[in-house]
Amino acid sequence: MLAEERGGVTEGLAWLGRTPEVRASRTIRVLARLARFVLFGLLHFRVDADRTEHPPTGGYLLVAAVHRGWMDPFLVMHGLPLEPRVWFLGSGPSAFDARWKEWLLHRLGGMLPVWRGGVGVEQHVASAQAVLDAGGVFVLMPEGGISGPPDALAPFRVGSALIALRTQAPIVPLAIVGSQELYVGKRFATRILPATSARELLGDSWDGRPRAGGSREELELARRLTDRFADLLGPQVAALYPATVDPPTRPRRLRWLTWLLLSRHPRAG
């Protein structure tokens, strides 16, 4: 397990050591402007963002797919207001392949890490609840890694559904496509779907009462909810993907950007 290889890890709130911030500091605002200038000014990335649906002002879970590269968190943030801040349940191995990256993310916030072989889902439920209680947005990418086809979902893991069941927070699905390959002028697409909830998605198959943590009944509910996430996002991903595909004759300058911020453990999480 990666947690054991590292000699033990702290995750979530234990790693952060403070209440997750939901206000954007001056530093965050400056960095957001800088990132926008580099990505959309210098590199000419283009995002077709469908914002027909308006998410709640805060205090909700955002379930996003597909996850195919390091650009995806920027696409999530591009589709949402700067405040309240978004916090990602992110892969420690992918983000912390260098100690300076871990230090920087700890200082800036915006991520609560998970490690394969770590402490279990309870810590991440607590992380999500802390963000929700503060009025922030907690982002889940249920695929758990970046491997998979560019136009379809990879299998979803049940952890996101367990967090949704235990917090019973509003859920906003977000379809994102286009990040599997990066180059100057690359096109992406995002679409915010109507806000929903675990209770609404499960319908009559769930009475809304929590099940014992770790029980067979809870796991079965989580599997069903995971399938509902996929039912919502899969068709949207397939519909959005064609608009992000450039013809083979288009120059792909600076294609090495695809791997720029990827670690040697891209699938860990």
Protein backbone atom coordinates (compact mmCIF):
# COMPACT_ATOMS: atom_id res chain seq x y z
CA MET A 1 0.00 0.00 0.00
CA LEU A 2 1.24 3.48 -0.83
CA ALA A 3 0.52 4.74 2.67
CA GLU A 4 2.77 2.07 4.13
CA GLU A 5 5.49 2.76 1.56
CA ARG A 6 5.58 6.35 2.73
CA GLY A 7 5.99 5.29 6.33
CA GLY A 8 2.45 6.23 7.31
CA VAL A 9 0.38 9.20 6.27
CA THR A 10 -2.13 11.68 7.59
CA GLU A 11 -5.20 12.36 5.51
CA GLY A 12 -8.02 14.86 5.24
CA LEU A 13 -8.49 17.24 8.15
CA ALA A 14 -5.69 15.62 10.13
CA TRP A 15 -3.30 16.59 7.35
CA LEU A 16 -4.73 20.09 6.95
CA GLY A 17 -4.79 20.90 10.65
CA ARG A 18 -7.32 23.74 10.36
CA THR A 19 -10.87 24.52 9.32
CA PRO A 20 -11.18 24.54 5.50
CA GLU A 21 -11.38 28.10 4.23
CA VAL A 22 -14.29 29.10 1.99
CA ARG A 23 -13.34 32.74 1.45
CA ALA A 24 -10.83 33.45 -1.31
CA SER A 25 -7.82 35.27 0.13
CA ARG A 26 -5.91 37.92 -1.78
CA THR A 27 -3.26 35.32 -2.62
CA ILE A 28 -5.87 32.94 -4.03
CA ARG A 29 -7.40 35.72 -6.11
CA VAL A 30 -4.01 36.68 -7.56
CA LEU A 31 -3.18 33.05 -8.35
CA ALA A 32 -6.58 32.55 -9.97
CA ARG A 33 -5.97 35.53 -12.27
CA LEU A 34 -2.47 34.26 -13.08
CA ALA A 35 -3.73 30.76 -13.87
CA ARG A 36 -6.46 32.17 -16.11
CA PHE A 37 -3.90 34.32 -17.96
CA VAL A 38 -1.54 31.39 -18.55
CA LEU A 39 -4.17 28.78 -19.46
CA PHE A 40 -6.57 30.87 -21.49
CA GLY A 41 -4.35 33.77 -22.55
CA LEU A 42 -0.93 32.31 -23.33
CA LEU A 43 -1.95 28.72 -24.10
CA HIS A 44 -5.28 29.65 -25.72
CA PHE A 45 -7.19 26.84 -24.03
CA ARG A 46 -10.89 27.15 -24.80
CA VAL A 47 -13.76 25.92 -22.64
CA ASP A 48 -17.33 25.52 -23.83
CA ALA A 49 -18.97 25.88 -20.41
CA ASP A 50 -22.69 25.16 -20.23
CA ARG A 51 -23.88 27.01 -17.12
CA THR A 52 -27.61 26.74 -17.84
CA GLU A 53 -28.07 25.17 -14.42
CA HIS A 54 -27.04 27.22 -11.41
CA PRO A 55 -25.70 25.25 -8.43
CA PRO A 56 -26.51 26.21 -4.82
CA THR A 57 -24.45 29.01 -3.32
CA GLY A 58 -22.43 26.54 -1.25
CA GLY A 59 -22.64 23.61 1.09
CA TYR A 60 -22.90 20.90 -1.57
CA LEU A 61 -21.01 17.95 -3.04
CA LEU A 62 -19.87 18.25 -6.64
CA VAL A 63 -19.48 14.89 -8.42
CA ALA A 64 -17.35 15.32 -11.55
CA ALA A 65 -16.33 13.09 -14.46
CA VAL A 66 -14.47 12.29 -16.54
CA HIS A 67 -11.08 12.74 -14.89
CA ARG A 68 -8.30 12.39 -17.46
CA GLY A 69 -5.55 14.82 -16.53
CA TRP A 70 -4.18 17.61 -14.36
CA MET A 71 -6.33 20.19 -16.13
CA ASP A 72 -9.55 18.80 -14.64
CA PRO A 73 -9.43 20.68 -11.31
CA PHE A 74 -8.95 23.91 -13.26
CA LEU A 75 -11.98 23.04 -15.40
CA VAL A 76 -14.03 22.48 -12.25
CA MET A 77 -12.96 25.83 -10.84
CA HIS A 78 -13.55 27.52 -14.21
CA GLY A 79 -17.18 26.43 -14.09
CA LEU A 80 -17.85 27.74 -10.56
CA PRO A 81 -17.56 31.08 -8.75
CA LEU A 82 -14.32 31.81 -6.93
CA GLU A 83 -16.31 31.87 -3.68
CA PRO A 84 -17.22 29.76 -1.86
CA ARG A 85 -13.97 27.91 -2.42
CA VAL A 86 -13.90 24.38 -3.76
CA TRP A 87 -12.07 21.62 -1.90
CA PHE A 88 -11.03 18.44 -3.69
CA LEU A 89 -10.77 14.98 -2.25
CA GLY A 90 -7.48 14.39 -4.03
CA SER A 91 -4.91 11.67 -4.43
CA GLY A 92 -1.94 12.22 -2.14
CA PRO A 93 0.42 10.15 -4.33
CA SER A 94 -0.52 12.12 -7.44
CA ALA A 95 -0.25 15.55 -5.82
CA PHE A 96 2.62 14.99 -3.40
CA ASP A 97 5.28 13.50 -5.68
CA ALA A 98 7.51 16.36 -4.47
CA ARG A 99 7.64 17.74 -0.93
CA TRP A 100 7.37 21.34 -2.13
CA LYS A 101 4.03 20.51 -3.78
CA GLU A 102 2.68 19.15 -0.52
CA TRP A 103 3.90 22.25 1.35
CA LEU A 104 2.32 24.58 -1.22
CA LEU A 105 -1.04 22.80 -1.26
CA HIS A 106 -1.10 22.74 2.52
CA ARG A 107 -0.50 26.46 2.64
CA LEU A 108 -2.97 27.41 -0.12
CA GLY A 109 -5.66 24.86 0.72
CA GLY A 110 -8.19 23.49 -1.72
CA MET A 111 -7.27 19.82 -1.32
CA LEU A 112 -7.77 17.17 1.34
CA PRO A 113 -5.67 14.10 0.51
CA VAL A 114 -6.47 10.43 0.41
CA TRP A 115 -3.90 7.62 0.24
CA ARG A 116 -4.45 4.05 -0.86
CA GLY A 117 -3.98 2.01 2.29
CA GLY A 118 -4.84 5.03 4.45
CA VAL A 119 -7.20 5.39 7.38
CA GLY A 120 -10.57 4.64 5.73
CA VAL A 121 -13.64 6.52 4.57
CA GLU A 122 -14.58 8.02 7.96
CA GLN A 123 -11.78 10.60 7.74
CA HIS A 124 -13.00 11.70 4.32
CA VAL A 125 -16.60 11.91 5.45
CA ALA A 126 -15.36 14.23 8.20
CA SER A 127 -13.42 16.27 5.62
CA ALA A 128 -16.49 16.63 3.44
CA GLN A 129 -18.67 17.57 6.40
CA ALA A 130 -16.22 20.25 7.52
CA VAL A 131 -16.23 21.83 4.06
CA LEU A 132 -20.03 21.60 3.83
CA ASP A 133 -20.53 23.05 7.31
CA ALA A 134 -18.32 26.00 6.37
CA GLY A 135 -20.43 26.62 3.26
CA GLY A 136 -17.86 25.37 0.74
CA VAL A 137 -17.98 22.95 -2.18
CA PHE A 138 -16.51 19.47 -1.77
CA VAL A 139 -15.43 17.93 -5.07
CA LEU A 140 -15.45 14.18 -5.69
CA MET A 141 -14.10 12.46 -8.82
CA PRO A 142 -15.45 8.93 -8.46
CA GLU A 143 -13.18 7.32 -11.06
CA GLY A 144 -10.30 7.62 -8.59
CA GLY A 145 -7.64 8.04 -11.29
CA ILE A 146 -7.03 9.36 -14.79
CA SER A 147 -7.04 6.13 -16.79
CA GLY A 148 -9.97 5.52 -19.09
CA PRO A 149 -11.39 6.46 -22.48
CA PRO A 150 -11.75 10.16 -23.28
CA ASP A 151 -15.41 9.87 -24.28
CA ALA A 152 -16.80 7.49 -21.64
CA LEU A 153 -16.64 6.85 -17.92
CA ALA A 154 -14.15 4.55 -16.27
CA PRO A 155 -15.64 2.42 -13.45
CA PHE A 156 -16.69 4.53 -10.47
CA ARG A 157 -15.54 3.67 -6.97
CA VAL A 158 -18.09 3.61 -4.15
CA GLY A 159 -16.27 6.03 -1.82
CA SER A 160 -17.97 9.11 -3.28
CA ALA A 161 -21.39 7.52 -2.82
CA LEU A 162 -20.59 6.62 0.79
CA ILE A 163 -19.69 10.25 1.47
CA ALA A 164 -22.92 11.39 -0.18
CA LEU A 165 -24.99 8.93 1.88
CA ARG A 166 -23.42 9.87 5.18
CA THR A 167 -23.48 13.65 4.69
CA GLN A 168 -26.87 13.70 2.90
CA ALA A 169 -25.76 16.96 1.28
CA PRO A 170 -27.07 18.35 -2.01
CA ILE A 171 -25.26 16.86 -5.02
CA VAL A 172 -24.32 18.73 -8.19
CA PRO A 173 -23.09 16.53 -11.08
CA LEU A 174 -20.57 18.09 -13.46
CA ALA A 175 -19.53 16.62 -16.81
CA ILE A 176 -16.02 17.57 -17.96
CA VAL A 177 -14.24 16.38 -21.12
CA GLY A 178 -11.17 17.14 -23.19
CA SER A 179 -8.24 16.90 -20.77
CA GLN A 180 -6.77 13.61 -22.01
CA GLU A 181 -4.40 15.54 -24.28
CA LEU A 182 -3.14 19.11 -23.92
CA TYR A 183 -1.61 21.46 -26.47
CA VAL A 184 -1.90 25.09 -27.50
CA GLY A 185 -5.49 25.90 -28.40
CA LYS A 186 -6.97 22.72 -26.90
CA ARG A 187 -10.75 22.66 -26.53
CA PHE A 188 -12.66 21.44 -23.47
CA ALA A 189 -16.32 21.26 -22.50
CA THR A 190 -18.15 21.29 -19.17
CA ARG A 191 -21.80 21.05 -18.22
CA ILE A 192 -23.37 21.61 -14.80
CA LEU A 193 -26.38 19.35 -14.23
CA PRO A 194 -29.35 20.08 -11.95
CA ALA A 195 -28.74 19.76 -8.23
CA THR A 196 -30.05 16.54 -6.72
CA SER A 197 -29.50 14.38 -3.63
CA ALA A 198 -28.85 10.78 -2.64
CA ARG A 199 -32.48 10.50 -1.53
CA GLU A 200 -33.78 11.72 -4.89
CA LEU A 201 -31.39 9.58 -6.91
CA LEU A 202 -32.21 6.38 -5.01
CA GLY A 203 -35.95 7.02 -5.03
CA ASP A 204 -38.16 4.42 -3.40
CA SER A 205 -35.23 2.05 -2.91
CA TRP A 206 -34.09 4.14 0.10
CA ASP A 207 -36.18 5.48 2.94
CA GLY A 208 -33.64 8.20 3.74
CA ARG A 209 -32.50 6.60 7.00
CA PRO A 210 -28.74 6.06 7.39
CA ARG A 211 -27.50 2.49 7.55
CA ALA A 212 -24.84 1.26 9.96
CA GLY A 213 -21.42 2.41 8.79
CA GLY A 214 -19.61 -0.34 6.92
CA SER A 215 -22.64 -2.63 6.89
CA ARG A 216 -23.68 -4.71 3.91
CA GLU A 217 -26.83 -2.59 3.61
CA GLU A 218 -24.84 0.65 3.42
CA LEU A 219 -22.46 -0.78 0.83
CA GLU A 220 -25.37 -1.95 -1.31
CA LEU A 221 -26.93 1.51 -1.18
CA ALA A 222 -23.57 3.03 -2.12
CA ARG A 223 -23.28 0.74 -5.12
CA ARG A 224 -26.73 1.70 -6.32
CA LEU A 225 -25.97 5.39 -5.85
CA THR A 226 -22.69 4.96 -7.72
CA ASP A 227 -24.64 3.50 -10.64
CA ARG A 228 -26.97 6.51 -10.57
CA PHE A 229 -23.99 8.89 -10.72
CA ALA A 230 -22.81 7.04 -13.81
CA ASP A 231 -26.31 7.09 -15.34
CA LEU A 232 -26.34 10.88 -15.03
CA LEU A 233 -22.82 11.67 -16.19
CA GLY A 234 -22.15 9.01 -18.82
CA PRO A 235 -24.53 10.35 -21.51
CA GLN A 236 -23.39 13.93 -20.88
CA VAL A 237 -19.73 13.00 -21.35
CA ALA A 238 -20.52 11.17 -24.59
CA ALA A 239 -22.55 14.14 -25.88
CA LEU A 240 -19.92 16.76 -25.04
CA TYR A 241 -16.85 14.90 -26.26
CA PRO A 242 -17.16 15.40 -30.07
CA ALA A 243 -16.93 19.18 -29.73
CA THR A 244 -13.50 18.83 -28.08
CA VAL A 245 -11.92 16.74 -30.86
CA ASP A 246 -9.62 18.52 -33.31
CA PRO A 247 -8.86 17.08 -36.76
CA PRO A 248 -5.63 15.06 -37.05
CA THR A 249 -4.16 17.77 -39.27
CA ARG A 250 -4.32 20.39 -36.52
CA PRO A 251 -0.87 21.21 -35.11
CA ARG A 252 -0.43 20.07 -31.52
CA ARG A 253 2.18 22.49 -30.28
CA LEU A 254 3.56 21.96 -26.76
CA ARG A 255 1.90 18.56 -26.48
CA TRP A 256 4.25 17.78 -23.56
CA LEU A 257 1.87 19.90 -21.47
CA THR A 258 -0.25 16.74 -21.21
CA TRP A 259 2.23 15.25 -18.74
CA LEU A 260 3.51 18.45 -17.15
CA LEU A 261 1.92 18.08 -13.72
CA LEU A 262 1.33 14.35 -13.64
CA SER A 263 3.17 12.31 -11.05
CA ARG A 264 4.64 8.85 -11.48
CA HIS A 265 1.57 7.45 -9.65
CA PRO A 266 -1.25 8.92 -11.77
CA ARG A 267 -3.77 6.21 -10.89
CA ALA A 268 -3.26 6.13 -7.16
CA GLY A 269 -5.94 7.40 -4.92
